[in-house]
C-alpha cells in the first residue's frame, strides 16, 4: 500500500473548520438562552449538546465539501 501524507496545511484547515463549527454551536446556544430567557449557567451545563451540534455542523460542512469536490472533478 502507498503511504498517505497529511500536510500541516490540511490539518490546520480541518482544525479551523472544527473550531468554527464549535463556535457556531456556542452562538446557537447563546441565542437559545437569550431567546427563551433561561439561566446563563446553561452555557456551561449544556456543553455536551453543544459538542453534538458542532459535530452535526461539521458533518454538514464535510458533506457539502464532498459534493463540491465531486462536481469539481467531473468538469
PDB file of N, CA and C in Angstrom:
ATOM      1  N   UNK A   1       0.827  -1.180   0.000  1.00  0.00           N
ATOM      2  CA  UNK A   1       0.000   0.000   0.000  1.00  0.00           C
ATOM      3  C   UNK A   1       0.873   1.246   0.000  1.00  0.00           C
ATOM      4  N   UNK A   2       0.330   2.278  -0.584  1.00  0.00           N
ATOM      5  CA  UNK A   2       1.042   3.545  -0.646  1.00  0.00           C
ATOM      6  C   UNK A   2       0.784   4.342   0.636  1.00  0.00           C
ATOM      7  N   UNK A   3       1.839   4.949   1.162  1.00  0.00           N
ATOM      8  CA  UNK A   3       1.692   5.780   2.360  1.00  0.00           C
ATOM      9  C   UNK A   3       0.970   7.067   2.011  1.00  0.00           C
ATOM     10  N   UNK A   4       0.128   7.503   2.916  1.00  0.00           N
ATOM     11  CA  UNK A   4      -0.614   8.744   2.740  1.00  0.00           C
ATOM     12  C   UNK A   4      -0.031   9.787   3.685  1.00  0.00           C
ATOM     13  N   UNK A   5       0.212  10.969   3.151  1.00  0.00           N
ATOM     14  CA  UNK A   5       0.768  12.049   3.947  1.00  0.00           C
ATOM     15  C   UNK A   5      -0.283  13.146   4.077  1.00  0.00           C
ATOM     16  N   UNK A   6      -0.558  13.529   5.312  1.00  0.00           N
ATOM     17  CA  UNK A   6      -1.484  14.630   5.564  1.00  0.00           C
ATOM     18  C   UNK A   6      -0.636  15.850   5.896  1.00  0.00           C
ATOM     19  N   UNK A   7      -0.761  16.877   5.098  1.00  0.00           N
ATOM     20  CA  UNK A   7       0.069  18.058   5.272  1.00  0.00           C
ATOM     21  C   UNK A   7      -0.363  18.873   6.485  1.00  0.00           C
ATOM     22  N   UNK A   8       0.547  19.702   6.941  1.00  0.00           N
ATOM     23  CA  UNK A   8       0.239  20.580   8.070  1.00  0.00           C
ATOM     24  C   UNK A   8      -0.863  21.558   7.691  1.00  0.00           C
ATOM     25  N   UNK A   9      -0.884  21.991   6.442  1.00  0.00           N
ATOM     26  CA  UNK A   9      -1.932  22.909   5.962  1.00  0.00           C
ATOM     27  C   UNK A   9      -3.308  22.256   6.051  1.00  0.00           C
ATOM     28  N   UNK A  10      -3.395  20.993   5.664  1.00  0.00           N
ATOM     29  CA  UNK A  10      -4.671  20.279   5.727  1.00  0.00           C
ATOM     30  C   UNK A  10      -5.128  20.092   7.175  1.00  0.00           C
ATOM     31  N   UNK A  11      -4.183  19.821   8.059  1.00  0.00           N
ATOM     32  CA  UNK A  11      -4.535  19.677   9.479  1.00  0.00           C
ATOM     33  C   UNK A  11      -5.047  20.993  10.042  1.00  0.00           C
ATOM     34  N   UNK A  12      -4.384  22.104   9.700  1.00  0.00           N
ATOM     35  CA  UNK A  12      -4.823  23.412  10.179  1.00  0.00           C
ATOM     36  C   UNK A  12      -6.204  23.759   9.634  1.00  0.00           C
ATOM     37  N   UNK A  13      -6.454  23.424   8.374  1.00  0.00           N
ATOM     38  CA  UNK A  13      -7.754  23.690   7.770  1.00  0.00           C
ATOM     39  C   UNK A  13      -8.856  22.934   8.504  1.00  0.00           C
ATOM     40  N   UNK A  14      -8.657  21.657   8.752  1.00  0.00           N
ATOM     41  CA  UNK A  14      -9.666  20.848   9.435  1.00  0.00           C
ATOM     42  C   UNK A  14      -9.869  21.319  10.876  1.00  0.00           C
ATOM     43  N   UNK A  15      -8.788  21.655  11.561  1.00  0.00           N
ATOM     44  CA  UNK A  15      -8.902  22.152  12.922  1.00  0.00           C
ATOM     45  C   UNK A  15      -9.664  23.470  12.955  1.00  0.00           C
ATOM     46  N   UNK A  16      -9.404  24.321  11.983  1.00  0.00           N
ATOM     47  CA  UNK A  16     -10.135  25.588  11.887  1.00  0.00           C
ATOM     48  C   UNK A  16     -11.612  25.371  11.622  1.00  0.00           C
ATOM     49  N   UNK A  17     -11.937  24.406  10.770  1.00  0.00           N
ATOM     50  CA  UNK A  17     -13.341  24.097  10.493  1.00  0.00           C
ATOM     51  C   UNK A  17     -14.046  23.546  11.732  1.00  0.00           C
ATOM     52  N   UNK A  18     -13.370  22.668  12.441  1.00  0.00           N
ATOM     53  CA  UNK A  18     -13.966  22.108  13.663  1.00  0.00           C
ATOM     54  C   UNK A  18     -14.173  23.213  14.696  1.00  0.00           C
ATOM     55  N   UNK A  19     -13.186  24.077  14.850  1.00  0.00           N
ATOM     56  CA  UNK A  19     -13.310  25.191  15.793  1.00  0.00           C
ATOM     57  C   UNK A  19     -14.438  26.137  15.382  1.00  0.00           C
ATOM     58  N   UNK A  20     -14.550  26.399  14.082  1.00  0.00           N
ATOM     59  CA  UNK A  20     -15.631  27.246  13.587  1.00  0.00           C
ATOM     60  C   UNK A  20     -16.997  26.643  13.849  1.00  0.00           C
ATOM     61  N   UNK A  21     -17.120  25.344  13.673  1.00  0.00           N
ATOM     62  CA  UNK A  21     -18.389  24.659  13.948  1.00  0.00           C
ATOM     63  C   UNK A  21     -18.717  24.720  15.438  1.00  0.00           C
ATOM     64  N   UNK A  22     -17.698  24.590  16.292  1.00  0.00           N
ATOM     65  CA  UNK A  22     -17.930  24.677  17.733  1.00  0.00           C
ATOM     66  C   UNK A  22     -18.377  26.079  18.129  1.00  0.00           C
ATOM     67  N   UNK A  23     -17.748  27.089  17.558  1.00  0.00           N
ATOM     68  CA  UNK A  23     -18.130  28.473  17.850  1.00  0.00           C
ATOM     69  C   UNK A  23     -19.563  28.737  17.371  1.00  0.00           C
ATOM     70  N   UNK A  24     -19.902  28.227  16.183  1.00  0.00           N
ATOM     71  CA  UNK A  24     -21.262  28.399  15.678  1.00  0.00           C
ATOM     72  C   UNK A  24     -22.279  27.721  16.596  1.00  0.00           C
ATOM     73  N   UNK A  25     -21.948  26.540  17.095  1.00  0.00           N
ATOM     74  CA  UNK A  25     -22.849  25.838  18.014  1.00  0.00           C
ATOM     75  C   UNK A  25     -22.982  26.605  19.331  1.00  0.00           C
ATOM     76  N   UNK A  26     -21.894  27.198  19.797  1.00  0.00           N
ATOM     77  CA  UNK A  26     -21.968  28.021  21.019  1.00  0.00           C
ATOM     78  C   UNK A  26     -22.851  29.234  20.789  1.00  0.00           C
ATOM     79  N   UNK A  27     -22.747  29.851  19.616  1.00  0.00           N
ATOM     80  CA  UNK A  27     -23.592  31.001  19.306  1.00  0.00           C
ATOM     81  C   UNK A  27     -25.061  30.609  19.237  1.00  0.00           C
ATOM     82  N   UNK A  28     -25.348  29.429  18.720  1.00  0.00           N
ATOM     83  CA  UNK A  28     -26.732  28.934  18.714  1.00  0.00           C
ATOM     84  C   UNK A  28     -27.216  28.751  20.150  1.00  0.00           C
ATOM     85  N   UNK A  29     -26.349  28.247  21.012  1.00  0.00           N
ATOM     86  CA  UNK A  29     -26.702  28.068  22.417  1.00  0.00           C
ATOM     87  C   UNK A  29     -26.965  29.424  23.081  1.00  0.00           C
ATOM     88  N   UNK A  30     -26.127  30.414  22.816  1.00  0.00           N
ATOM     89  CA  UNK A  30     -26.332  31.746  23.372  1.00  0.00           C
ATOM     90  C   UNK A  30     -27.651  32.335  22.870  1.00  0.00           C
ATOM     91  N   UNK A  31     -27.927  32.160  21.583  1.00  0.00           N
ATOM     92  CA  UNK A  31     -29.192  32.640  21.027  1.00  0.00           C
ATOM     93  C   UNK A  31     -30.379  31.996  21.735  1.00  0.00           C
ATOM     94  N   UNK A  32     -30.293  30.688  21.981  1.00  0.00           N
ATOM     95  CA  UNK A  32     -31.387  29.988  22.655  1.00  0.00           C
ATOM     96  C   UNK A  32     -31.549  30.473  24.100  1.00  0.00           C
ATOM     97  N   UNK A  33     -30.445  30.740  24.769  1.00  0.00           N
ATOM     98  CA  UNK A  33     -30.513  31.243  26.137  1.00  0.00           C
ATOM     99  C   UNK A  33     -31.201  32.601  26.164  1.00  0.00           C
ATOM    100  N   UNK A  34     -30.823  33.484  25.238  1.00  0.00           N
ATOM    101  CA  UNK A  34     -31.418  34.817  25.188  1.00  0.00           C
ATOM    102  C   UNK A  34     -32.877  34.733  24.757  1.00  0.00           C
ATOM    103  N   UNK A  35     -33.140  33.924  23.750  1.00  0.00           N
ATOM    104  CA  UNK A  35     -34.490  33.831  23.188  1.00  0.00           C
ATOM    105  C   UNK A  35     -35.504  33.317  24.198  1.00  0.00           C
ATOM    106  N   UNK A  36     -35.109  32.288  24.943  1.00  0.00           N
ATOM    107  CA  UNK A  36     -36.045  31.662  25.873  1.00  0.00           C
ATOM    108  C   UNK A  36     -35.873  32.149  27.311  1.00  0.00           C
ATOM    109  N   UNK A  37     -34.942  33.069  27.539  1.00  0.00           N
ATOM    110  CA  UNK A  37     -34.787  33.680  28.851  1.00  0.00           C
ATOM    111  C   UNK A  37     -34.382  32.729  29.958  1.00  0.00           C
ATOM    112  N   UNK A  38     -33.532  31.773  29.652  1.00  0.00           N
ATOM    113  CA  UNK A  38     -33.090  30.826  30.676  1.00  0.00           C
ATOM    114  C   UNK A  38     -31.828  31.339  31.355  1.00  0.00           C
ATOM    115  N   UNK A  39     -31.323  30.572  32.296  1.00  0.00           N
ATOM    116  CA  UNK A  39     -30.144  30.969  33.070  1.00  0.00           C
ATOM    117  C   UNK A  39     -28.877  30.815  32.235  1.00  0.00           C
ATOM    118  N   UNK A  40     -27.932  31.721  32.474  1.00  0.00           N
ATOM    119  CA  UNK A  40     -26.673  31.684  31.741  1.00  0.00           C
ATOM    120  C   UNK A  40     -25.802  30.510  32.145  1.00  0.00           C
ATOM    121  N   UNK A  41     -26.149  29.843  33.227  1.00  0.00           N
ATOM    122  CA  UNK A  41     -25.385  28.652  33.624  1.00  0.00           C
ATOM    123  C   UNK A  41     -25.531  27.539  32.590  1.00  0.00           C
ATOM    124  N   UNK A  42     -26.577  27.629  31.771  1.00  0.00           N
ATOM    125  CA  UNK A  42     -26.764  26.626  30.716  1.00  0.00           C
ATOM    126  C   UNK A  42     -25.692  26.717  29.642  1.00  0.00           C
ATOM    127  N   UNK A  43     -24.996  27.838  29.602  1.00  0.00           N
ATOM    128  CA  UNK A  43     -23.898  27.973  28.646  1.00  0.00           C
ATOM    129  C   UNK A  43     -22.842  26.902  28.909  1.00  0.00           C
ATOM    130  N   UNK A  44     -22.649  26.541  30.176  1.00  0.00           N
ATOM    131  CA  UNK A  44     -21.666  25.524  30.538  1.00  0.00           C
ATOM    132  C   UNK A  44     -22.303  24.158  30.783  1.00  0.00           C
ATOM    133  N   UNK A  45     -23.495  24.145  31.314  1.00  0.00           N
ATOM    134  CA  UNK A  45     -24.117  22.862  31.651  1.00  0.00           C
ATOM    135  C   UNK A  45     -24.596  22.102  30.420  1.00  0.00           C
ATOM    136  N   UNK A  46     -24.795  22.793  29.320  1.00  0.00           N
ATOM    137  CA  UNK A  46     -25.266  22.149  28.095  1.00  0.00           C
ATOM    138  C   UNK A  46     -24.145  21.914  27.083  1.00  0.00           C
ATOM    139  N   UNK A  47     -22.909  21.861  27.563  1.00  0.00           N
ATOM    140  CA  UNK A  47     -21.763  21.736  26.667  1.00  0.00           C
ATOM    141  C   UNK A  47     -21.797  20.425  25.866  1.00  0.00           C
ATOM    142  N   UNK A  48     -22.363  19.386  26.438  1.00  0.00           N
ATOM    143  CA  UNK A  48     -22.476  18.119  25.702  1.00  0.00           C
ATOM    144  C   UNK A  48     -23.343  18.265  24.460  1.00  0.00           C
ATOM    145  N   UNK A  49     -24.448  18.984  24.613  1.00  0.00           N
ATOM    146  CA  UNK A  49     -25.309  19.232  23.453  1.00  0.00           C
ATOM    147  C   UNK A  49     -24.618  20.138  22.440  1.00  0.00           C
ATOM    148  N   UNK A  50     -23.850  21.079  22.925  1.00  0.00           N
ATOM    149  CA  UNK A  50     -23.120  21.983  22.033  1.00  0.00           C
ATOM    150  C   UNK A  50     -22.112  21.195  21.208  1.00  0.00           C
ATOM    151  N   UNK A  51     -21.433  20.261  21.833  1.00  0.00           N
ATOM    152  CA  UNK A  51     -20.468  19.427  21.106  1.00  0.00           C
ATOM    153  C   UNK A  51     -21.188  18.577  20.056  1.00  0.00           C
ATOM    154  N   UNK A  52     -22.338  18.041  20.408  1.00  0.00           N
ATOM    155  CA  UNK A  52     -23.110  17.237  19.440  1.00  0.00           C
ATOM    156  C   UNK A  52     -23.581  18.085  18.264  1.00  0.00           C
ATOM    157  N   UNK A  53     -24.049  19.282  18.537  1.00  0.00           N
ATOM    158  CA  UNK A  53     -24.480  20.179  17.462  1.00  0.00           C
ATOM    159  C   UNK A  53     -23.287  20.576  16.604  1.00  0.00           C
ATOM    160  N   UNK A  54     -22.146  20.810  17.224  1.00  0.00           N
ATOM    161  CA  UNK A  54     -20.935  21.136  16.466  1.00  0.00           C
ATOM    162  C   UNK A  54     -20.542  19.970  15.562  1.00  0.00           C
ATOM    163  N   UNK A  55     -20.696  18.752  16.044  1.00  0.00           N
ATOM    164  CA  UNK A  55     -20.393  17.577  15.215  1.00  0.00           C
ATOM    165  C   UNK A  55     -21.348  17.489  14.032  1.00  0.00           C
ATOM    166  N   UNK A  56     -22.614  17.810  14.246  1.00  0.00           N
ATOM    167  CA  UNK A  56     -23.585  17.806  13.144  1.00  0.00           C
ATOM    168  C   UNK A  56     -23.221  18.893  12.129  1.00  0.00           C
ATOM    169  N   UNK A  57     -22.856  20.090  12.615  1.00  0.00           N
ATOM    170  CA  UNK A  57     -22.432  21.161  11.712  1.00  0.00           C
ATOM    171  C   UNK A  57     -21.219  20.727  10.895  1.00  0.00           C
ATOM    172  N   UNK A  58     -20.250  20.091  11.553  1.00  0.00           N
ATOM    173  CA  UNK A  58     -19.042  19.640  10.848  1.00  0.00           C
ATOM    174  C   UNK A  58     -19.397  18.578   9.805  1.00  0.00           C
ATOM    175  N   UNK A  59     -20.312  17.683  10.146  1.00  0.00           N
ATOM    176  CA  UNK A  59     -20.749  16.666   9.185  1.00  0.00           C
ATOM    177  C   UNK A  59     -21.402  17.323   7.969  1.00  0.00           C
ATOM    178  N   UNK A  60     -22.236  18.325   8.200  1.00  0.00           N
ATOM    179  CA  UNK A  60     -22.875  19.029   7.088  1.00  0.00           C
ATOM    180  C   UNK A  60     -21.849  19.748   6.214  1.00  0.00           C
ATOM    181  N   UNK A  61     -20.874  20.388   6.847  1.00  0.00           N
ATOM    182  CA  UNK A  61     -19.815  21.057   6.085  1.00  0.00           C
ATOM    183  C   UNK A  61     -19.026  20.030   5.287  1.00  0.00           C
ATOM    184  N   UNK A  62     -18.737  18.895   5.899  1.00  0.00           N
ATOM    185  CA  UNK A  62     -17.989  17.841   5.231  1.00  0.00           C
ATOM    186  C   UNK A  62     -18.760  17.305   4.015  1.00  0.00           C
ATOM    187  N   UNK A  63     -20.070  17.127   4.169  1.00  0.00           N
ATOM    188  CA  UNK A  63     -20.877  16.642   3.045  1.00  0.00           C
ATOM    189  C   UNK A  63     -20.922  17.658   1.903  1.00  0.00           C
ATOM    190  N   UNK A  64     -21.049  18.938   2.236  1.00  0.00           N
ATOM    191  CA  UNK A  64     -21.046  19.976   1.199  1.00  0.00           C
ATOM    192  C   UNK A  64     -19.702  19.987   0.484  1.00  0.00           C
ATOM    193  N   UNK A  65     -18.622  19.889   1.237  1.00  0.00           N
ATOM    194  CA  UNK A  65     -17.296  19.859   0.611  1.00  0.00           C
ATOM    195  C   UNK A  65     -17.136  18.645  -0.293  1.00  0.00           C
ATOM    196  N   UNK A  66     -17.679  17.506   0.117  1.00  0.00           N
ATOM    197  CA  UNK A  66     -17.604  16.292  -0.691  1.00  0.00           C
ATOM    198  C   UNK A  66     -18.367  16.458  -2.002  1.00  0.00           C
ATOM    199  N   UNK A  67     -19.570  16.993  -1.933  1.00  0.00           N
ATOM    200  CA  UNK A  67     -20.373  17.194  -3.141  1.00  0.00           C
ATOM    201  C   UNK A  67     -19.691  18.180  -4.080  1.00  0.00           C
ATOM    202  N   UNK A  68     -19.167  19.268  -3.534  1.00  0.00           N
ATOM    203  CA  UNK A  68     -18.473  20.257  -4.364  1.00  0.00           C
ATOM    204  C   UNK A  68     -17.255  19.625  -5.019  1.00  0.00           C
ATOM    205  N   UNK A  69     -16.511  18.832  -4.275  1.00  0.00           N
ATOM    206  CA  UNK A  69     -15.321  18.188  -4.834  1.00  0.00           C
ATOM    207  C   UNK A  69     -15.686  17.194  -5.928  1.00  0.00           C
ATOM    208  N   UNK A  70     -16.783  16.467  -5.748  1.00  0.00           N
ATOM    209  CA  UNK A  70     -17.196  15.513  -6.778  1.00  0.00           C
ATOM    210  C   UNK A  70     -17.595  16.226  -8.069  1.00  0.00           C
ATOM    211  N   UNK A  71     -18.333  17.331  -7.958  1.00  0.00           N
ATOM    212  CA  UNK A  71     -18.721  18.067  -9.145  1.00  0.00           C
ATOM    213  C   UNK A  71     -17.530  18.777  -9.771  1.00  0.00           C
ATOM    214  N   UNK A  72     -16.600  19.222  -8.950  1.00  0.00           N
ATOM    215  CA  UNK A  72     -15.430  19.942  -9.454  1.00  0.00           C
ATOM    216  C   UNK A  72     -14.567  19.020 -10.305  1.00  0.00           C
ATOM    217  N   UNK A  73     -14.405  17.787  -9.913  1.00  0.00           N
ATOM    218  CA  UNK A  73     -13.553  16.836 -10.635  1.00  0.00           C
ATOM    219  C   UNK A  73     -14.182  16.333 -11.921  1.00  0.00           C
ATOM    220  N   UNK A  74     -15.490  16.404 -12.029  1.00  0.00           N
ATOM    221  CA  UNK A  74     -16.154  15.927 -13.249  1.00  0.00           C
ATOM    222  C   UNK A  74     -15.941  16.862 -14.430  1.00  0.00           C
ATOM    223  N   UNK A  75     -15.685  18.122 -14.143  1.00  0.00           N
ATOM    224  CA  UNK A  75     -15.546  19.099 -15.232  1.00  0.00           C
ATOM    225  C   UNK A  75     -14.158  19.086 -15.813  1.00  0.00           C
TER     226      UNK A  75
END
